[in-house]
């Protein structure tokens, strides 16, 4: 358990700085890029490996 500092934060939090803030333009660009990437992937049929895993999941255990 980490010690609590007088300002209410823990010493573990003080040693680990938070991520730098991203401006709105960067967040917008990342969002558009990720949506585009995932839309392409979701439009493709699943690979044989994924189909095999799904088939095993649908098979009851003995």
C-alpha atoms as a PDB file:
ATOM      1  CA  UNK A   1       0.000   0.000   0.000  1.00  0.00           C
ATOM      2  CA  UNK A   2       1.442   3.399  -0.896  1.00  0.00           C
ATOM      3  CA  UNK A   3       1.690   6.280   1.511  1.00  0.00           C
ATOM      4  CA  UNK A   4      -0.651   9.228   1.127  1.00  0.00           C
ATOM      5  CA  UNK A   5       0.902  12.652   0.805  1.00  0.00           C
ATOM      6  CA  UNK A   6      -0.543  15.717   2.470  1.00  0.00           C
ATOM      7  CA  UNK A   7      -2.017  16.922  -0.833  1.00  0.00           C
ATOM      8  CA  UNK A   8      -4.110  13.754  -1.120  1.00  0.00           C
ATOM      9  CA  UNK A   9      -2.088  12.017  -3.841  1.00  0.00           C
ATOM     10  CA  UNK A  10      -0.079   8.879  -3.250  1.00  0.00           C
ATOM     11  CA  UNK A  11       3.694   8.655  -3.573  1.00  0.00           C
ATOM     12  CA  UNK A  12       3.262   6.175  -6.430  1.00  0.00           C
ATOM     13  CA  UNK A  13       1.285   8.797  -8.354  1.00  0.00           C
ATOM     14  CA  UNK A  14       3.971  11.423  -7.715  1.00  0.00           C
ATOM     15  CA  UNK A  15       6.702   9.221  -9.186  1.00  0.00           C
ATOM     16  CA  UNK A  16       4.731   8.575 -12.357  1.00  0.00           C
ATOM     17  CA  UNK A  17       3.772  11.697 -14.286  1.00  0.00           C
ATOM     18  CA  UNK A  18       0.536  11.576 -16.251  1.00  0.00           C
ATOM     19  CA  UNK A  19       0.418  11.505 -20.022  1.00  0.00           C
ATOM     20  CA  UNK A  20       0.924  14.851 -21.727  1.00  0.00           C
ATOM     21  CA  UNK A  21      -2.388  16.374 -22.828  1.00  0.00           C
ATOM     22  CA  UNK A  22      -3.273  16.114 -26.505  1.00  0.00           C
ATOM     23  CA  UNK A  23      -4.801  19.081 -28.252  1.00  0.00           C
ATOM     24  CA  UNK A  24      -8.167  18.781 -30.006  1.00  0.00           C
ATOM     25  CA  UNK A  25      -6.633  18.564 -33.490  1.00  0.00           C
ATOM     26  CA  UNK A  26      -4.472  15.582 -32.563  1.00  0.00           C
ATOM     27  CA  UNK A  27      -7.366  13.801 -30.831  1.00  0.00           C
ATOM     28  CA  UNK A  28      -9.577  14.389 -33.885  1.00  0.00           C
ATOM     29  CA  UNK A  29      -6.884  13.053 -36.238  1.00  0.00           C
ATOM     30  CA  UNK A  30      -6.343   9.944 -34.089  1.00  0.00           C
ATOM     31  CA  UNK A  31     -10.085   9.298 -33.887  1.00  0.00           C
ATOM     32  CA  UNK A  32     -10.558   9.553 -37.649  1.00  0.00           C
ATOM     33  CA  UNK A  33      -7.533   7.354 -38.318  1.00  0.00           C
ATOM     34  CA  UNK A  34      -8.604   4.659 -35.861  1.00  0.00           C
ATOM     35  CA  UNK A  35     -12.191   4.582 -37.144  1.00  0.00           C
ATOM     36  CA  UNK A  36     -10.863   4.232 -40.701  1.00  0.00           C
ATOM     37  CA  UNK A  37      -8.493   1.425 -39.727  1.00  0.00           C
ATOM     38  CA  UNK A  38     -11.119  -0.569 -37.832  1.00  0.00           C
ATOM     39  CA  UNK A  39     -13.757  -0.076 -40.555  1.00  0.00           C
ATOM     40  CA  UNK A  40     -11.391  -1.738 -43.054  1.00  0.00           C
ATOM     41  CA  UNK A  41     -10.638  -4.629 -40.728  1.00  0.00           C
ATOM     42  CA  UNK A  42     -14.289  -5.243 -39.864  1.00  0.00           C
ATOM     43  CA  UNK A  43     -15.301  -5.307 -43.537  1.00  0.00           C
ATOM     44  CA  UNK A  44     -12.945  -8.233 -44.263  1.00  0.00           C
ATOM     45  CA  UNK A  45     -14.033 -11.845 -43.708  1.00  0.00           C
ATOM     46  CA  UNK A  46     -12.505 -13.543 -40.649  1.00  0.00           C
ATOM     47  CA  UNK A  47      -9.337 -15.575 -41.180  1.00  0.00           C
ATOM     48  CA  UNK A  48      -9.349 -19.367 -40.997  1.00  0.00           C
ATOM     49  CA  UNK A  49      -7.621 -19.154 -37.612  1.00  0.00           C
ATOM     50  CA  UNK A  50     -10.375 -16.946 -36.160  1.00  0.00           C
ATOM     51  CA  UNK A  51     -13.056 -19.212 -37.628  1.00  0.00           C
ATOM     52  CA  UNK A  52     -11.390 -22.235 -35.980  1.00  0.00           C
ATOM     53  CA  UNK A  53     -11.349 -20.488 -32.592  1.00  0.00           C
ATOM     54  CA  UNK A  54     -15.007 -19.504 -32.962  1.00  0.00           C
ATOM     55  CA  UNK A  55     -15.921 -23.081 -33.890  1.00  0.00           C
ATOM     56  CA  UNK A  56     -14.128 -24.377 -30.767  1.00  0.00           C
ATOM     57  CA  UNK A  57     -15.966 -21.866 -28.616  1.00  0.00           C
ATOM     58  CA  UNK A  58     -19.284 -23.121 -29.962  1.00  0.00           C
ATOM     59  CA  UNK A  59     -18.460 -26.768 -29.164  1.00  0.00           C
ATOM     60  CA  UNK A  60     -19.690 -27.934 -25.720  1.00  0.00           C
ATOM     61  CA  UNK A  61     -17.115 -29.408 -23.323  1.00  0.00           C
ATOM     62  CA  UNK A  62     -17.376 -33.080 -22.428  1.00  0.00           C
END
